[in-house]
Amino acid sequence: MLALIGVQLVVSLLAASIMQRMAPHCSFARWLLCNGSLFRFKHPSEGELCALAGKQMPSKPSKRDRRQNGDSKPLTVPKDIDLHLEKAPVSVLDALVLRFFLEYQWLIDFAVYAMGIYLFTEGYFCVVDPAKEVHIGAIWCVLTVLCCLKTLHSLMGHYFRSDEGGERSVCLAFGFLSLLVAMLVLVVREDYLEFGLEPGFNSLFDNLEVFAKHQGFAEWSVPVTKLTVKLGLAAICAFIGALLAFPGLRLAQTHLDAVQMNSDRPFIQMLLHMSFLAPVVVIVLWIKPIARDFLGNAPMGKTSVTLMSSAVFDSVRLWTVVVLCCLRLALTRYHMQAYLNLSQKWVDQMKKEAGRIAAIDIQRKVTRVFCYLTIVTLQYMVPVLLILFSTLALKALEWSCIWLHPSSHQFKPSSLSLLKKSRPKP
């Protein structure tokens, strides 16, 4: 069987079978939320609120009284009552009723198995010649990226279907802002932003030109096609920017709450700040004058010293992205607990206000925070998984172990490039 379909495909089929069989019994996503480290706040009952307000629990009216007097007024209590919410660990039964929980569980478990397949394939290719087989780990990474985009699209659709139009406006505003930024980035030269777009465009259109002429298409307009591809890239960036609008806003809020929650733990605060500033570090690594040019030709007095070769810099840059993604994933619990603490934070804010509030409103406010736990978890984890598996997929498509052997980072010319070189000159 191994000789017929290959080792990678056998391992992939085995992983898919294990994932399907073990999901109801053993799930990493379910353990992440329900391992007892996260605590939710229970909403107070009407009896508890009446006891805190110093009044008796009103008796429920009979059906005859409701028909005669109509609906009774809702129970109200003073806002400044000494209310303290009861904590309870998040259990599996509590999480099963949450919205998007099944989507969350499937995506996280799929990402875990995809990472396992990728690591196995990388180790396998360090032993076997990678040019002889297809990197099936890259396929799993691409599938994970597509699943992440689909999940973000489902979350954005949830906001678009909302009765209030504020969420829809925020998504559209972030989309147009991302479109503007993407168009500005596309006009920046490669001497400043090292995205590799121009070399990629040149290679792509040179190959397409040769292919089109060999197929008999005499008219081939490269500038128009190049502009179309750039506009397509800008549109894709705008779409992704709209998808990441609310995850970005949620991350900023949970980061602030997590820092305040761990005010007595300076080491955790330092890790939280490092995780929050990780995108800035990644952007700096792709600014050529600051990163590659400085490390490759660092000034030391009147001379210059090469601190890091170009191949080593590529490897270090990929490792940096992976490490920062792992750091943010490791801090998931602190952000989620900071979000769950919003219930008690809202109650503390309510105590400072004057007037009365309906008991049902207090119960709704406290319950609503927990009901959105899986949505907030997806908004936190999916962007990180999107970046992580995009990086792994790009690395895997190069078919070389540049993690351990940066000097083997080589590209092979495509068949179209060879065809162009072999074309007779007129």
Protein backbone atom coordinates (compact mmCIF):
# COMPACT_ATOMS: atom_id res chain seq x y z
CA MET A 1 0.00 0.00 0.00
CA LEU A 2 2.83 2.40 0.84
CA ALA A 3 4.47 1.68 -2.48
CA LEU A 4 1.26 2.33 -4.41
CA ILE A 5 -0.02 5.59 -2.93
CA GLY A 6 2.96 6.91 -0.98
CA VAL A 7 3.79 7.49 2.66
CA GLN A 8 2.38 11.02 2.82
CA LEU A 9 -1.04 10.05 1.51
CA VAL A 10 -1.26 7.11 3.90
CA VAL A 11 -0.44 9.35 6.86
CA SER A 12 -2.98 11.94 5.66
CA LEU A 13 -5.74 9.35 5.36
CA LEU A 14 -4.84 8.00 8.78
CA ALA A 15 -4.97 11.49 10.30
CA ALA A 16 -8.35 12.22 8.68
CA SER A 17 -9.74 8.94 10.00
CA ILE A 18 -8.43 9.58 13.51
CA MET A 19 -9.84 13.12 13.48
CA GLN A 20 -13.28 11.84 12.50
CA ARG A 21 -13.30 9.03 15.06
CA MET A 22 -11.76 10.90 17.98
CA ALA A 23 -13.61 14.23 17.68
CA PRO A 24 -16.57 13.20 19.90
CA HIS A 25 -14.25 11.76 22.56
CA CYS A 26 -11.02 13.76 22.47
CA SER A 27 -10.95 17.32 21.17
CA PHE A 28 -8.20 19.88 21.70
CA ALA A 29 -10.62 22.73 21.03
CA ARG A 30 -13.05 21.45 23.65
CA TRP A 31 -10.23 20.99 26.14
CA LEU A 32 -9.00 24.53 25.50
CA LEU A 33 -12.27 26.05 26.73
CA CYS A 34 -13.45 23.39 29.17
CA ASN A 35 -10.31 22.30 31.03
CA GLY A 36 -11.38 24.13 34.18
CA SER A 37 -9.03 27.12 33.80
CA LEU A 38 -11.73 29.48 32.49
CA PHE A 39 -14.45 30.74 34.82
CA ARG A 40 -17.76 32.23 33.78
CA PHE A 41 -20.14 34.29 35.90
CA LYS A 42 -23.64 33.06 36.66
CA HIS A 43 -26.50 35.50 36.41
CA PRO A 44 -28.34 36.18 39.69
CA SER A 45 -31.85 34.89 40.16
CA GLU A 46 -34.79 37.15 40.91
CA GLY A 47 -34.88 35.85 44.47
CA GLU A 48 -31.25 36.83 45.06
CA LEU A 49 -31.83 40.29 43.61
CA CYS A 50 -34.90 40.80 45.80
CA ALA A 51 -32.95 39.71 48.88
CA LEU A 52 -30.17 42.17 48.09
CA ALA A 53 -32.73 44.93 47.53
CA GLY A 54 -34.41 44.17 50.87
CA LYS A 55 -37.80 43.26 49.44
CA GLN A 56 -39.85 40.11 49.24
CA MET A 57 -40.07 38.03 46.13
CA PRO A 58 -43.37 38.91 44.43
CA SER A 59 -45.71 36.01 43.94
CA LYS A 60 -46.42 34.92 40.42
CA PRO A 61 -49.87 36.06 39.24
CA SER A 62 -52.32 33.44 38.15
CA LYS A 63 -53.67 33.16 34.63
CA ARG A 64 -56.92 34.79 35.75
CA ASP A 65 -55.08 37.80 37.20
CA ARG A 66 -53.01 38.16 34.03
CA ARG A 67 -56.16 38.17 31.93
CA GLN A 68 -57.78 40.81 34.12
CA ASN A 69 -54.81 43.07 34.83
CA GLY A 70 -52.67 42.38 31.78
CA ASP A 71 -48.94 41.80 31.96
CA SER A 72 -47.43 42.85 35.27
CA LYS A 73 -44.55 45.29 35.46
CA PRO A 74 -41.08 43.76 35.43
CA LEU A 75 -39.23 43.41 38.69
CA THR A 76 -36.82 46.30 39.27
CA VAL A 77 -34.03 46.70 41.81
CA PRO A 78 -31.72 49.61 42.70
CA LYS A 79 -28.55 49.78 40.66
CA ASP A 80 -26.34 50.31 43.70
CA ILE A 81 -27.14 46.98 45.37
CA ASP A 82 -24.22 44.96 46.72
CA LEU A 83 -24.24 42.41 43.91
CA HIS A 84 -21.41 39.90 43.53
CA LEU A 85 -21.63 37.37 40.73
CA GLU A 86 -20.93 33.72 41.41
CA LYS A 87 -18.09 32.07 39.50
CA ALA A 88 -18.29 28.66 37.86
CA PRO A 89 -15.82 26.80 35.63
CA VAL A 90 -16.81 26.49 31.99
CA SER A 91 -17.98 22.92 31.43
CA VAL A 92 -18.61 20.95 28.27
CA LEU A 93 -22.37 21.07 28.78
CA ASP A 94 -22.20 24.85 29.06
CA ALA A 95 -20.12 25.18 25.89
CA LEU A 96 -22.21 22.87 23.71
CA VAL A 97 -25.11 25.32 23.62
CA LEU A 98 -22.94 28.26 22.57
CA ARG A 99 -23.25 29.66 19.09
CA PHE A 100 -20.52 28.69 16.59
CA PHE A 101 -19.18 26.09 19.03
CA LEU A 102 -19.25 23.27 16.48
CA GLU A 103 -17.51 25.46 13.89
CA TYR A 104 -14.92 26.42 16.49
CA GLN A 105 -14.29 22.83 17.53
CA TRP A 106 -13.94 21.57 13.97
CA LEU A 107 -11.60 24.35 12.86
CA ILE A 108 -9.23 24.13 15.84
CA ASP A 109 -9.06 20.34 15.67
CA PHE A 110 -8.44 20.47 11.93
CA ALA A 111 -5.63 22.98 12.48
CA VAL A 112 -4.03 20.70 15.07
CA TYR A 113 -4.08 17.72 12.73
CA ALA A 114 -2.85 19.87 9.84
CA MET A 115 0.10 20.97 11.97
CA GLY A 116 0.88 17.34 12.76
CA ILE A 117 0.80 16.40 9.07
CA TYR A 118 3.00 19.37 8.22
CA LEU A 119 5.62 18.48 10.83
CA PHE A 120 5.66 14.87 9.67
CA THR A 121 6.08 15.94 6.04
CA GLU A 122 8.92 18.30 6.92
CA GLY A 123 10.74 15.52 8.74
CA TYR A 124 10.03 13.13 5.89
CA PHE A 125 11.44 15.55 3.30
CA CYS A 126 14.61 16.03 5.32
CA VAL A 127 15.27 12.33 4.67
CA VAL A 128 13.77 11.87 1.19
CA ASP A 129 14.43 13.97 -1.89
CA PRO A 130 11.58 16.54 -1.94
CA ALA A 131 11.72 16.91 -5.72
CA LYS A 132 10.28 13.42 -6.18
CA GLU A 133 7.01 13.92 -4.27
CA VAL A 134 4.37 16.54 -3.71
CA HIS A 135 4.46 18.31 -0.34
CA ILE A 136 1.10 17.19 1.01
CA GLY A 137 1.63 19.24 4.17
CA ALA A 138 1.29 22.36 2.02
CA ILE A 139 -2.13 21.14 0.89
CA TRP A 140 -3.25 20.79 4.51
CA CYS A 141 -1.94 24.28 5.25
CA VAL A 142 -3.81 25.78 2.30
CA LEU A 143 -6.99 23.99 3.36
CA THR A 144 -6.59 25.41 6.87
CA VAL A 145 -6.17 28.92 5.45
CA LEU A 146 -9.33 28.50 3.36
CA CYS A 147 -11.26 27.20 6.38
CA CYS A 148 -10.09 30.19 8.42
CA LEU A 149 -11.30 32.58 5.74
CA LYS A 150 -14.64 30.77 5.57
CA THR A 151 -15.04 31.03 9.35
CA LEU A 152 -14.23 34.73 9.33
CA HIS A 153 -16.72 35.20 6.50
CA SER A 154 -19.40 33.45 8.56
CA LEU A 155 -18.67 35.72 11.52
CA MET A 156 -18.84 38.82 9.32
CA GLY A 157 -22.11 37.57 7.86
CA HIS A 158 -23.44 37.36 11.41
CA TYR A 159 -22.74 41.08 11.82
CA PHE A 160 -24.24 41.91 8.43
CA ARG A 161 -27.48 40.14 9.36
CA SER A 162 -27.75 42.14 12.56
CA ASP A 163 -30.71 44.49 12.93
CA GLU A 164 -28.40 47.35 13.82
CA GLY A 165 -26.41 48.83 10.97
CA GLY A 166 -23.36 49.89 12.97
CA GLU A 167 -21.49 46.60 12.57
CA ARG A 168 -22.07 46.60 8.82
CA SER A 169 -20.69 50.12 8.53
CA VAL A 170 -17.58 49.20 10.51
CA CYS A 171 -16.83 46.24 8.23
CA LEU A 172 -17.28 48.35 5.11
CA ALA A 173 -15.12 51.14 6.51
CA PHE A 174 -12.29 48.73 7.32
CA GLY A 175 -12.64 47.16 3.89
CA PHE A 176 -12.25 50.47 2.06
CA LEU A 177 -9.37 51.46 4.36
CA SER A 178 -7.61 48.18 3.58
CA LEU A 179 -8.19 48.78 -0.13
CA LEU A 180 -6.52 52.18 0.13
CA VAL A 181 -3.55 50.80 2.08
CA ALA A 182 -3.14 47.90 -0.35
CA MET A 183 -3.09 50.24 -3.35
CA LEU A 184 -0.48 52.40 -1.63
CA VAL A 185 1.68 49.36 -0.84
CA LEU A 186 1.50 48.14 -4.44
CA VAL A 187 3.07 51.35 -5.73
CA VAL A 188 5.98 51.27 -3.26
CA ARG A 189 9.23 50.06 -4.80
CA GLU A 190 10.86 46.80 -3.77
CA ASP A 191 13.82 48.77 -2.41
CA TYR A 192 11.68 49.70 0.59
CA LEU A 193 9.05 46.98 1.08
CA GLU A 194 10.41 43.51 0.44
CA PHE A 195 7.24 41.74 -0.65
CA GLY A 196 8.74 40.25 -3.80
CA LEU A 197 5.86 41.42 -5.95
CA GLU A 198 7.88 42.87 -8.82
CA PRO A 199 10.12 39.81 -9.32
CA GLY A 200 7.04 37.63 -9.06
CA PHE A 201 5.16 39.73 -11.59
CA ASN A 202 8.09 39.72 -14.00
CA SER A 203 8.50 35.96 -13.79
CA LEU A 204 4.76 35.35 -14.10
CA PHE A 205 4.20 37.58 -17.10
CA ASP A 206 7.35 36.45 -18.89
CA ASN A 207 6.14 32.87 -18.62
CA LEU A 208 2.61 33.83 -19.63
CA GLU A 209 3.91 35.73 -22.63
CA VAL A 210 5.86 32.73 -23.87
CA PHE A 211 2.91 30.43 -23.23
CA ALA A 212 0.46 32.75 -25.02
CA LYS A 213 2.67 33.07 -28.08
CA HIS A 214 3.16 29.33 -28.31
CA GLN A 215 -0.61 28.93 -28.15
CA GLY A 216 -1.07 31.32 -31.06
CA PHE A 217 -2.20 34.45 -29.20
CA ALA A 218 -0.31 37.19 -31.01
CA GLU A 219 -1.80 40.11 -29.09
CA TRP A 220 -0.56 40.08 -25.53
CA SER A 221 -0.77 43.23 -23.45
CA VAL A 222 1.37 42.85 -20.36
CA PRO A 223 0.66 46.29 -18.79
CA VAL A 224 -3.11 45.77 -18.86
CA THR A 225 -2.81 42.27 -17.42
CA LYS A 226 -0.39 43.46 -14.74
CA LEU A 227 -2.78 46.22 -13.70
CA THR A 228 -5.62 43.71 -13.53
CA VAL A 229 -3.61 41.41 -11.25
CA LYS A 230 -2.69 44.31 -8.97
CA LEU A 231 -6.30 45.42 -8.72
CA GLY A 232 -7.26 41.85 -7.92
CA LEU A 233 -4.67 41.72 -5.13
CA ALA A 234 -5.96 45.01 -3.74
CA ALA A 235 -9.53 43.69 -3.78
CA ILE A 236 -8.46 40.53 -1.94
CA CYS A 237 -6.66 42.64 0.66
CA ALA A 238 -9.79 44.78 1.08
CA PHE A 239 -11.90 41.67 1.63
CA ILE A 240 -9.48 40.28 4.22
CA GLY A 241 -9.33 43.69 5.91
CA ALA A 242 -13.12 43.68 6.25
CA LEU A 243 -12.97 40.17 7.71
CA LEU A 244 -10.40 41.25 10.31
CA ALA A 245 -12.24 44.40 11.40
CA PHE A 246 -14.00 43.06 14.48
CA PRO A 247 -11.26 40.56 15.41
CA GLY A 248 -8.84 43.49 15.56
CA LEU A 249 -11.15 45.60 17.69
CA ARG A 250 -11.85 42.66 19.98
CA LEU A 251 -8.13 41.95 20.38
CA ALA A 252 -7.46 45.53 21.44
CA GLN A 253 -10.19 45.39 24.09
CA THR A 254 -9.22 41.98 25.48
CA HIS A 255 -5.55 42.97 25.55
CA LEU A 256 -6.32 46.00 27.69
CA ASP A 257 -8.52 43.95 30.03
CA ALA A 258 -5.91 41.16 30.24
CA VAL A 259 -3.18 43.62 31.19
CA GLN A 260 -5.37 45.08 33.92
CA MET A 261 -6.34 41.60 35.13
CA ASN A 262 -2.67 40.62 35.51
CA SER A 263 -1.52 43.86 37.11
CA ASP A 264 0.29 41.91 39.85
CA ARG A 265 2.14 39.64 37.37
CA PRO A 266 4.75 41.67 35.48
CA PHE A 267 6.07 38.72 33.47
CA ILE A 268 2.62 37.95 32.04
CA GLN A 269 2.15 41.63 31.29
CA MET A 270 5.43 41.67 29.39
CA LEU A 271 4.33 38.66 27.33
CA LEU A 272 0.99 40.31 26.62
CA HIS A 273 2.69 43.47 25.38
CA MET A 274 5.08 41.43 23.23
CA SER A 275 2.16 39.57 21.71
CA PHE A 276 0.28 42.79 21.03
CA LEU A 277 3.29 44.41 19.34
CA ALA A 278 4.07 41.31 17.26
CA PRO A 279 2.51 42.72 14.03
CA VAL A 280 4.83 45.73 14.24
CA VAL A 281 7.86 43.42 14.52
CA VAL A 282 6.70 41.41 11.51
CA ILE A 283 6.19 44.55 9.42
CA VAL A 284 9.66 45.84 10.32
CA LEU A 285 11.21 42.57 9.16
CA TRP A 286 9.85 43.22 5.66
CA ILE A 287 11.17 46.79 5.44
CA LYS A 288 14.36 46.27 3.49
CA PRO A 289 16.48 49.26 4.65
CA ILE A 290 15.78 48.49 8.31
CA ALA A 291 16.03 44.70 8.29
CA ARG A 292 17.87 43.00 5.43
CA ASP A 293 20.17 45.85 4.38
CA PHE A 294 21.16 46.66 7.95
CA LEU A 295 21.89 43.07 8.97
CA GLY A 296 23.64 42.31 5.70
CA ASN A 297 25.77 45.45 5.70
CA ALA A 298 25.86 46.82 9.23
CA PRO A 299 28.07 49.91 9.68
CA MET A 300 30.92 49.41 12.15
CA GLY A 301 32.94 52.60 12.19
CA LYS A 302 34.53 53.09 8.78
CA THR A 303 33.83 49.54 7.69
CA SER A 304 30.74 47.38 7.35
CA VAL A 305 30.15 43.93 8.77
CA THR A 306 27.78 41.22 7.56
CA LEU A 307 25.85 40.17 10.64
CA MET A 308 23.58 37.77 8.81
CA SER A 309 23.59 36.36 5.31
CA SER A 310 20.55 36.66 3.07
CA ALA A 311 19.63 32.97 3.36
CA VAL A 312 19.95 33.00 7.15
CA PHE A 313 17.86 36.17 7.32
CA ASP A 314 15.05 34.48 5.37
CA SER A 315 15.10 31.57 7.78
CA VAL A 316 15.18 33.80 10.87
CA ARG A 317 12.32 35.88 9.52
CA LEU A 318 10.11 32.83 9.08
CA TRP A 319 11.03 31.54 12.52
CA THR A 320 10.14 34.93 14.02
CA VAL A 321 6.66 34.83 12.52
CA VAL A 322 6.08 31.30 13.79
CA VAL A 323 7.35 32.07 17.30
CA LEU A 324 5.20 35.20 17.59
CA CYS A 325 2.13 33.26 16.44
CA CYS A 326 2.83 30.55 19.03
CA LEU A 327 3.24 33.23 21.70
CA ARG A 328 -0.16 34.69 20.93
CA LEU A 329 -1.77 31.25 20.92
CA ALA A 330 -0.16 30.50 24.29
CA LEU A 331 -1.81 33.61 25.77
CA THR A 332 -5.31 32.61 24.68
CA ARG A 333 -6.48 31.75 28.19
CA TYR A 334 -5.62 35.19 29.59
CA HIS A 335 -7.52 36.98 26.84
CA MET A 336 -10.56 34.74 27.14
CA GLN A 337 -10.71 35.10 30.92
CA ALA A 338 -10.38 38.86 30.52
CA TYR A 339 -13.38 38.75 28.21
CA LEU A 340 -15.43 36.66 30.65
CA ASN A 341 -14.63 39.17 33.39
CA LEU A 342 -16.65 41.76 31.48
CA SER A 343 -19.73 40.53 33.36
CA GLN A 344 -18.33 41.51 36.75
CA LYS A 345 -16.86 44.67 35.24
CA TRP A 346 -20.30 45.70 34.00
CA VAL A 347 -21.84 44.99 37.42
CA ASP A 348 -19.18 47.12 39.13
CA GLN A 349 -19.93 49.94 36.72
CA MET A 350 -23.67 49.57 37.35
CA LYS A 351 -23.17 49.99 41.10
CA LYS A 352 -21.78 53.48 40.53
CA GLU A 353 -24.97 54.62 38.80
CA ALA A 354 -28.19 55.87 40.34
CA GLY A 355 -31.72 54.72 39.65
CA ARG A 356 -33.33 51.35 39.16
CA ILE A 357 -32.90 48.59 36.62
CA ALA A 358 -35.02 45.62 35.64
CA ALA A 359 -33.85 42.28 36.97
CA ILE A 360 -34.23 40.71 33.54
CA ASP A 361 -31.80 43.28 32.11
CA ILE A 362 -29.14 42.30 34.65
CA GLN A 363 -29.61 38.64 33.81
CA ARG A 364 -29.40 39.32 30.08
CA LYS A 365 -26.25 41.42 30.37
CA VAL A 366 -24.45 38.77 32.41
CA THR A 367 -25.59 35.87 30.24
CA ARG A 368 -24.81 37.60 26.94
CA VAL A 369 -21.09 37.76 27.74
CA PHE A 370 -20.83 34.00 28.09
CA CYS A 371 -23.01 33.32 25.05
CA TYR A 372 -20.45 35.04 22.80
CA LEU A 373 -17.45 33.17 24.23
CA THR A 374 -16.85 30.93 21.20
CA ILE A 375 -17.28 33.85 18.80
CA VAL A 376 -14.67 35.84 20.71
CA THR A 377 -12.37 32.80 20.79
CA LEU A 378 -12.67 32.44 17.03
CA GLN A 379 -12.01 36.15 16.55
CA TYR A 380 -8.84 35.78 18.61
CA MET A 381 -7.46 32.51 17.24
CA VAL A 382 -8.47 32.46 13.57
CA PRO A 383 -6.32 35.46 12.47
CA VAL A 384 -3.31 33.88 14.20
CA LEU A 385 -3.94 30.54 12.50
CA LEU A 386 -4.39 32.36 9.20
CA ILE A 387 -0.94 33.96 9.45
CA LEU A 388 0.73 30.85 10.83
CA PHE A 389 -0.49 28.43 8.18
CA SER A 390 0.04 30.97 5.39
CA THR A 391 3.68 31.18 6.46
CA LEU A 392 4.00 27.41 6.63
CA ALA A 393 2.34 27.00 3.24
CA LEU A 394 4.66 29.52 1.59
CA LYS A 395 7.66 27.82 3.12
CA ALA A 396 6.45 24.36 2.10
CA LEU A 397 5.87 25.40 -1.50
CA GLU A 398 9.60 26.09 -1.82
CA TRP A 399 10.39 22.38 -1.26
CA SER A 400 13.47 22.94 0.88
CA CYS A 401 14.34 22.55 4.56
CA ILE A 402 15.32 26.19 5.07
CA TRP A 403 14.38 25.92 8.75
CA LEU A 404 17.39 23.73 9.48
CA HIS A 405 19.49 24.22 6.34
CA PRO A 406 19.17 27.82 5.06
CA SER A 407 21.88 27.26 2.47
CA SER A 408 19.63 24.80 0.62
CA HIS A 409 17.12 27.56 -0.12
CA GLN A 410 17.04 27.33 -3.91
CA PHE A 411 14.41 27.77 -6.57
CA LYS A 412 14.07 25.65 -9.66
CA PRO A 413 13.18 27.26 -12.98
CA SER A 414 9.76 26.44 -14.28
CA SER A 415 9.14 24.67 -17.54
CA LEU A 416 7.87 27.88 -19.07
CA SER A 417 11.14 29.62 -18.21
CA LEU A 418 13.07 26.82 -19.85
CA LEU A 419 10.76 27.09 -22.83
CA LYS A 420 11.51 30.79 -23.10
CA LYS A 421 15.25 30.19 -22.99
CA SER A 422 15.02 27.56 -25.70
CA ARG A 423 12.94 29.76 -28.00
CA PRO A 424 14.85 30.56 -31.19
CA LYS A 425 15.75 34.18 -31.70
CA PRO A 426 14.17 35.92 -34.72
